[in-house]
Amino acid sequence: MKNRLKVLRAERDWSQQDLGEHLGISRQSVNAIEKGRYDPSLPLAFRIAELFDMAIEEIFEKEQG
């Protein structure tokens, strides 16, 4: 799944570690989500959206295929 997580994180000058701490997940998990190797669970996607004060659809989009 494509996402804007890296851009949103960079806009706040947060490291992957910083974002992971805000979300209660590891830096490695943040990296995997940013690279599209791991799709977050729905509860985690809601936490991410809430953290950035955005709708889930504004952060994540289904890849064409």
PDB file of N, CA and C in Angstrom:
ATOM      1  N   MET A   1       0.845  -1.168   0.000  1.00  0.00           N
ATOM      2  CA  MET A   1       0.000   0.000   0.000  1.00  0.00           C
ATOM      3  C   MET A   1       0.896   1.238   0.000  1.00  0.00           C
ATOM      4  N   LYS A   2       0.589   2.143  -0.895  1.00  0.00           N
ATOM      5  CA  LYS A   2       1.361   3.389  -0.946  1.00  0.00           C
ATOM      6  C   LYS A   2       0.928   4.288   0.210  1.00  0.00           C
ATOM      7  N   ASN A   3       1.853   5.107   0.672  1.00  0.00           N
ATOM      8  CA  ASN A   3       1.506   6.015   1.769  1.00  0.00           C
ATOM      9  C   ASN A   3       2.394   7.254   1.751  1.00  0.00           C
ATOM     10  N   ARG A   4       1.978   8.258   2.500  1.00  0.00           N
ATOM     11  CA  ARG A   4       2.695   9.536   2.601  1.00  0.00           C
ATOM     12  C   ARG A   4       3.409   9.669   3.947  1.00  0.00           C
ATOM     13  N   LEU A   5       3.601   8.564   4.627  1.00  0.00           N
ATOM     14  CA  LEU A   5       4.126   8.608   5.988  1.00  0.00           C
ATOM     15  C   LEU A   5       5.499   9.269   6.068  1.00  0.00           C
ATOM     16  N   LYS A   6       6.387   8.942   5.156  1.00  0.00           N
ATOM     17  CA  LYS A   6       7.739   9.512   5.188  1.00  0.00           C
ATOM     18  C   LYS A   6       7.693  11.032   5.039  1.00  0.00           C
ATOM     19  N   VAL A   7       6.864  11.512   4.122  1.00  0.00           N
ATOM     20  CA  VAL A   7       6.736  12.957   3.895  1.00  0.00           C
ATOM     21  C   VAL A   7       6.160  13.642   5.129  1.00  0.00           C
ATOM     22  N   LEU A   8       5.101  13.070   5.679  1.00  0.00           N
ATOM     23  CA  LEU A   8       4.471  13.661   6.862  1.00  0.00           C
ATOM     24  C   LEU A   8       5.430  13.683   8.043  1.00  0.00           C
ATOM     25  N   ARG A   9       6.196  12.619   8.195  1.00  0.00           N
ATOM     26  CA  ARG A   9       7.181  12.546   9.276  1.00  0.00           C
ATOM     27  C   ARG A   9       8.257  13.610   9.087  1.00  0.00           C
ATOM     28  N   ALA A  10       8.735  13.749   7.854  1.00  0.00           N
ATOM     29  CA  ALA A  10       9.788  14.727   7.559  1.00  0.00           C
ATOM     30  C   ALA A  10       9.300  16.157   7.789  1.00  0.00           C
ATOM     31  N   GLU A  11       8.024  16.416   7.484  1.00  0.00           N
ATOM     32  CA  GLU A  11       7.469  17.762   7.705  1.00  0.00           C
ATOM     33  C   GLU A  11       7.529  18.157   9.175  1.00  0.00           C
ATOM     34  N   ARG A  12       7.505  17.171  10.046  1.00  0.00           N
ATOM     35  CA  ARG A  12       7.565  17.435  11.492  1.00  0.00           C
ATOM     36  C   ARG A  12       8.984  17.281  12.042  1.00  0.00           C
ATOM     37  N   ASP A  13       9.915  16.989  11.154  1.00  0.00           N
ATOM     38  CA  ASP A  13      11.313  16.797  11.539  1.00  0.00           C
ATOM     39  C   ASP A  13      11.456  15.669  12.562  1.00  0.00           C
ATOM     40  N   TRP A  14      10.681  14.599  12.357  1.00  0.00           N
ATOM     41  CA  TRP A  14      10.744  13.428  13.224  1.00  0.00           C
ATOM     42  C   TRP A  14      11.569  12.341  12.560  1.00  0.00           C
ATOM     43  N   SER A  15      12.343  11.636  13.345  1.00  0.00           N
ATOM     44  CA  SER A  15      13.028  10.436  12.856  1.00  0.00           C
ATOM     45  C   SER A  15      12.022   9.284  12.858  1.00  0.00           C
ATOM     46  N   GLN A  16      12.426   8.186  12.254  1.00  0.00           N
ATOM     47  CA  GLN A  16      11.568   6.993  12.318  1.00  0.00           C
ATOM     48  C   GLN A  16      11.396   6.559  13.774  1.00  0.00           C
ATOM     49  N   GLN A  17      12.432   6.700  14.557  1.00  0.00           N
ATOM     50  CA  GLN A  17      12.367   6.363  15.983  1.00  0.00           C
ATOM     51  C   GLN A  17      11.343   7.251  16.692  1.00  0.00           C
ATOM     52  N   ASP A  18      11.371   8.555  16.390  1.00  0.00           N
ATOM     53  CA  ASP A  18      10.406   9.481  17.001  1.00  0.00           C
ATOM     54  C   ASP A  18       8.975   9.062  16.690  1.00  0.00           C
ATOM     55  N   LEU A  19       8.709   8.786  15.416  1.00  0.00           N
ATOM     56  CA  LEU A  19       7.360   8.395  15.016  1.00  0.00           C
ATOM     57  C   LEU A  19       6.958   7.093  15.688  1.00  0.00           C
ATOM     58  N   GLY A  20       7.873   6.142  15.729  1.00  0.00           N
ATOM     59  CA  GLY A  20       7.593   4.884  16.393  1.00  0.00           C
ATOM     60  C   GLY A  20       7.214   5.080  17.849  1.00  0.00           C
ATOM     61  N   GLU A  21       7.905   5.972  18.529  1.00  0.00           N
ATOM     62  CA  GLU A  21       7.604   6.239  19.936  1.00  0.00           C
ATOM     63  C   GLU A  21       6.224   6.859  20.096  1.00  0.00           C
ATOM     64  N   HIS A  22       5.844   7.756  19.181  1.00  0.00           N
ATOM     65  CA  HIS A  22       4.502   8.360  19.218  1.00  0.00           C
ATOM     66  C   HIS A  22       3.423   7.304  19.023  1.00  0.00           C
ATOM     67  N   LEU A  23       3.729   6.281  18.229  1.00  0.00           N
ATOM     68  CA  LEU A  23       2.729   5.270  17.876  1.00  0.00           C
ATOM     69  C   LEU A  23       2.824   3.993  18.711  1.00  0.00           C
ATOM     70  N   GLY A  24       3.889   3.857  19.488  1.00  0.00           N
ATOM     71  CA  GLY A  24       4.072   2.643  20.279  1.00  0.00           C
ATOM     72  C   GLY A  24       4.515   1.453  19.453  1.00  0.00           C
ATOM     73  N   ILE A  25       5.268   1.723  18.364  1.00  0.00           N
ATOM     74  CA  ILE A  25       5.803   0.653  17.521  1.00  0.00           C
ATOM     75  C   ILE A  25       7.303   0.875  17.330  1.00  0.00           C
ATOM     76  N   SER A  26       7.983  -0.103  16.774  1.00  0.00           N
ATOM     77  CA  SER A  26       9.434   0.002  16.601  1.00  0.00           C
ATOM     78  C   SER A  26       9.807   0.855  15.388  1.00  0.00           C
ATOM     79  N   ARG A  27      11.038   1.321  15.381  1.00  0.00           N
ATOM     80  CA  ARG A  27      11.569   2.052  14.230  1.00  0.00           C
ATOM     81  C   ARG A  27      11.527   1.166  12.996  1.00  0.00           C
ATOM     82  N   GLN A  28      11.805  -0.116  13.177  1.00  0.00           N
ATOM     83  CA  GLN A  28      11.802  -1.059  12.057  1.00  0.00           C
ATOM     84  C   GLN A  28      10.408  -1.180  11.449  1.00  0.00           C
ATOM     85  N   SER A  29       9.390  -1.140  12.284  1.00  0.00           N
ATOM     86  CA  SER A  29       8.018  -1.193  11.777  1.00  0.00           C
ATOM     87  C   SER A  29       7.687   0.064  10.978  1.00  0.00           C
ATOM     88  N   VAL A  30       8.114   1.217  11.481  1.00  0.00           N
ATOM     89  CA  VAL A  30       7.898   2.471  10.745  1.00  0.00           C
ATOM     90  C   VAL A  30       8.578   2.382   9.377  1.00  0.00           C
ATOM     91  N   ASN A  31       9.804   1.897   9.351  1.00  0.00           N
ATOM     92  CA  ASN A  31      10.547   1.756   8.097  1.00  0.00           C
ATOM     93  C   ASN A  31       9.806   0.837   7.128  1.00  0.00           C
ATOM     94  N   ALA A  32       9.318  -0.285   7.620  1.00  0.00           N
ATOM     95  CA  ALA A  32       8.618  -1.246   6.762  1.00  0.00           C
ATOM     96  C   ALA A  32       7.320  -0.660   6.211  1.00  0.00           C
ATOM     97  N   ILE A  33       6.601   0.110   7.018  1.00  0.00           N
ATOM     98  CA  ILE A  33       5.363   0.744   6.546  1.00  0.00           C
ATOM     99  C   ILE A  33       5.701   1.786   5.481  1.00  0.00           C
ATOM    100  N   GLU A  34       6.707   2.620   5.747  1.00  0.00           N
ATOM    101  CA  GLU A  34       7.088   3.658   4.778  1.00  0.00           C
ATOM    102  C   GLU A  34       7.482   3.065   3.435  1.00  0.00           C
ATOM    103  N   LYS A  35       8.160   1.935   3.447  1.00  0.00           N
ATOM    104  CA  LYS A  35       8.633   1.308   2.209  1.00  0.00           C
ATOM    105  C   LYS A  35       7.576   0.423   1.554  1.00  0.00           C
ATOM    106  N   GLY A  36       6.402   0.322   2.187  1.00  0.00           N
ATOM    107  CA  GLY A  36       5.324  -0.479   1.620  1.00  0.00           C
ATOM    108  C   GLY A  36       5.510  -1.975   1.776  1.00  0.00           C
ATOM    109  N   ARG A  37       6.423  -2.384   2.640  1.00  0.00           N
ATOM    110  CA  ARG A  37       6.653  -3.820   2.877  1.00  0.00           C
ATOM    111  C   ARG A  37       5.703  -4.378   3.928  1.00  0.00           C
ATOM    112  N   TYR A  38       5.040  -3.494   4.657  1.00  0.00           N
ATOM    113  CA  TYR A  38       4.132  -3.910   5.723  1.00  0.00           C
ATOM    114  C   TYR A  38       2.948  -2.955   5.742  1.00  0.00           C
ATOM    115  N   ASP A  39       1.750  -3.505   5.697  1.00  0.00           N
ATOM    116  CA  ASP A  39       0.542  -2.698   5.811  1.00  0.00           C
ATOM    117  C   ASP A  39       0.114  -2.679   7.272  1.00  0.00           C
ATOM    118  N   PRO A  40      -0.111  -1.492   7.826  1.00  0.00           N
ATOM    119  CA  PRO A  40      -0.490  -1.419   9.237  1.00  0.00           C
ATOM    120  C   PRO A  40      -1.873  -2.015   9.465  1.00  0.00           C
ATOM    121  N   SER A  41      -2.088  -2.501  10.669  1.00  0.00           N
ATOM    122  CA  SER A  41      -3.423  -2.960  11.048  1.00  0.00           C
ATOM    123  C   SER A  41      -4.364  -1.763  11.030  1.00  0.00           C
ATOM    124  N   LEU A  42      -5.647  -2.032  10.992  1.00  0.00           N
ATOM    125  CA  LEU A  42      -6.615  -0.938  10.989  1.00  0.00           C
ATOM    126  C   LEU A  42      -6.501  -0.069  12.238  1.00  0.00           C
ATOM    127  N   PRO A  43      -6.373  -0.659  13.447  1.00  0.00           N
ATOM    128  CA  PRO A  43      -6.195   0.196  14.630  1.00  0.00           C
ATOM    129  C   PRO A  43      -4.940   1.076  14.539  1.00  0.00           C
ATOM    130  N   LEU A  44      -3.849   0.533  14.002  1.00  0.00           N
ATOM    131  CA  LEU A  44      -2.630   1.330  13.853  1.00  0.00           C
ATOM    132  C   LEU A  44      -2.832   2.418  12.812  1.00  0.00           C
ATOM    133  N   ALA A  45      -3.506   2.109  11.717  1.00  0.00           N
ATOM    134  CA  ALA A  45      -3.779   3.120  10.689  1.00  0.00           C
ATOM    135  C   ALA A  45      -4.602   4.270  11.280  1.00  0.00           C
ATOM    136  N   PHE A  46      -5.575   3.945  12.137  1.00  0.00           N
ATOM    137  CA  PHE A  46      -6.358   4.988  12.795  1.00  0.00           C
ATOM    138  C   PHE A  46      -5.486   5.828  13.724  1.00  0.00           C
ATOM    139  N   ARG A  47      -4.547   5.198  14.449  1.00  0.00           N
ATOM    140  CA  ARG A  47      -3.647   5.953  15.334  1.00  0.00           C
ATOM    141  C   ARG A  47      -2.757   6.887  14.521  1.00  0.00           C
ATOM    142  N   ILE A  48      -2.265   6.403  13.387  1.00  0.00           N
ATOM    143  CA  ILE A  48      -1.425   7.234  12.514  1.00  0.00           C
ATOM    144  C   ILE A  48      -2.229   8.433  12.015  1.00  0.00           C
ATOM    145  N   ALA A  49      -3.445   8.177  11.539  1.00  0.00           N
ATOM    146  CA  ALA A  49      -4.291   9.258  11.031  1.00  0.00           C
ATOM    147  C   ALA A  49      -4.593  10.276  12.129  1.00  0.00           C
ATOM    148  N   GLU A  50      -4.878   9.791  13.319  1.00  0.00           N
ATOM    149  CA  GLU A  50      -5.169  10.694  14.432  1.00  0.00           C
ATOM    150  C   GLU A  50      -3.943  11.528  14.796  1.00  0.00           C
ATOM    151  N   LEU A  51      -2.774  10.905  14.807  1.00  0.00           N
ATOM    152  CA  LEU A  51      -1.543  11.616  15.142  1.00  0.00           C
ATOM    153  C   LEU A  51      -1.295  12.780  14.181  1.00  0.00           C
ATOM    154  N   PHE A  52      -1.560  12.553  12.897  1.00  0.00           N
ATOM    155  CA  PHE A  52      -1.321  13.592  11.891  1.00  0.00           C
ATOM    156  C   PHE A  52      -2.567  14.434  11.618  1.00  0.00           C
ATOM    157  N   ASP A  53      -3.655  14.174  12.354  1.00  0.00           N
ATOM    158  CA  ASP A  53      -4.910  14.908  12.208  1.00  0.00           C
ATOM    159  C   ASP A  53      -5.390  14.889  10.750  1.00  0.00           C
ATOM    160  N   MET A  54      -5.414  13.681  10.180  1.00  0.00           N
ATOM    161  CA  MET A  54      -5.823  13.486   8.798  1.00  0.00           C
ATOM    162  C   MET A  54      -6.727  12.263   8.716  1.00  0.00           C
ATOM    163  N   ALA A  55      -7.434  12.146   7.608  1.00  0.00           N
ATOM    164  CA  ALA A  55      -8.202  10.932   7.341  1.00  0.00           C
ATOM    165  C   ALA A  55      -7.237   9.844   6.865  1.00  0.00           C
ATOM    166  N   ILE A  56      -7.578   8.596   7.148  1.00  0.00           N
ATOM    167  CA  ILE A  56      -6.727   7.488   6.706  1.00  0.00           C
ATOM    168  C   ILE A  56      -6.475   7.565   5.202  1.00  0.00           C
ATOM    169  N   GLU A  57      -7.519   7.907   4.444  1.00  0.00           N
ATOM    170  CA  GLU A  57      -7.406   7.964   2.981  1.00  0.00           C
ATOM    171  C   GLU A  57      -6.437   9.038   2.496  1.00  0.00           C
ATOM    172  N   GLU A  58      -6.160  10.023   3.342  1.00  0.00           N
ATOM    173  CA  GLU A  58      -5.201  11.070   2.983  1.00  0.00           C
ATOM    174  C   GLU A  58      -3.763  10.592   3.164  1.00  0.00           C
ATOM    175  N   ILE A  59      -3.566   9.538   3.910  1.00  0.00           N
ATOM    176  CA  ILE A  59      -2.226   9.024   4.192  1.00  0.00           C
ATOM    177  C   ILE A  59      -1.932   7.770   3.374  1.00  0.00           C
ATOM    178  N   PHE A  60      -2.927   6.874   3.290  1.00  0.00           N
ATOM    179  CA  PHE A  60      -2.738   5.591   2.609  1.00  0.00           C
ATOM    180  C   PHE A  60      -3.600   5.524   1.363  1.00  0.00           C
ATOM    181  N   GLU A  61      -3.048   4.923   0.309  1.00  0.00           N
ATOM    182  CA  GLU A  61      -3.853   4.708  -0.884  1.00  0.00           C
ATOM    183  C   GLU A  61      -3.564   3.324  -1.444  1.00  0.00           C
ATOM    184  N   LYS A  62      -4.601   2.734  -1.971  1.00  0.00           N
ATOM    185  CA  LYS A  62      -4.470   1.398  -2.560  1.00  0.00           C
ATOM    186  C   LYS A  62      -3.652   1.493  -3.829  1.00  0.00           C
ATOM    187  N   GLU A  63      -2.697   0.570  -3.981  1.00  0.00           N
ATOM    188  CA  GLU A  63      -1.883   0.546  -5.195  1.00  0.00           C
ATOM    189  C   GLU A  63      -2.688  -0.057  -6.326  1.00  0.00           C
ATOM    190  N   GLN A  64      -2.498   0.485  -7.513  1.00  0.00           N
ATOM    191  CA  GLN A  64      -3.164  -0.046  -8.693  1.00  0.00           C
ATOM    192  C   GLN A  64      -2.514  -1.366  -9.068  1.00  0.00           C
ATOM    193  N   GLY A  65      -3.307  -2.317  -9.510  1.00  0.00           N
ATOM    194  CA  GLY A  65      -2.684  -3.565  -9.906  1.00  0.00           C
ATOM    195  C   GLY A  65      -3.600  -4.649  -9.909  1.00  0.00           C
TER     196      GLY A  65
END
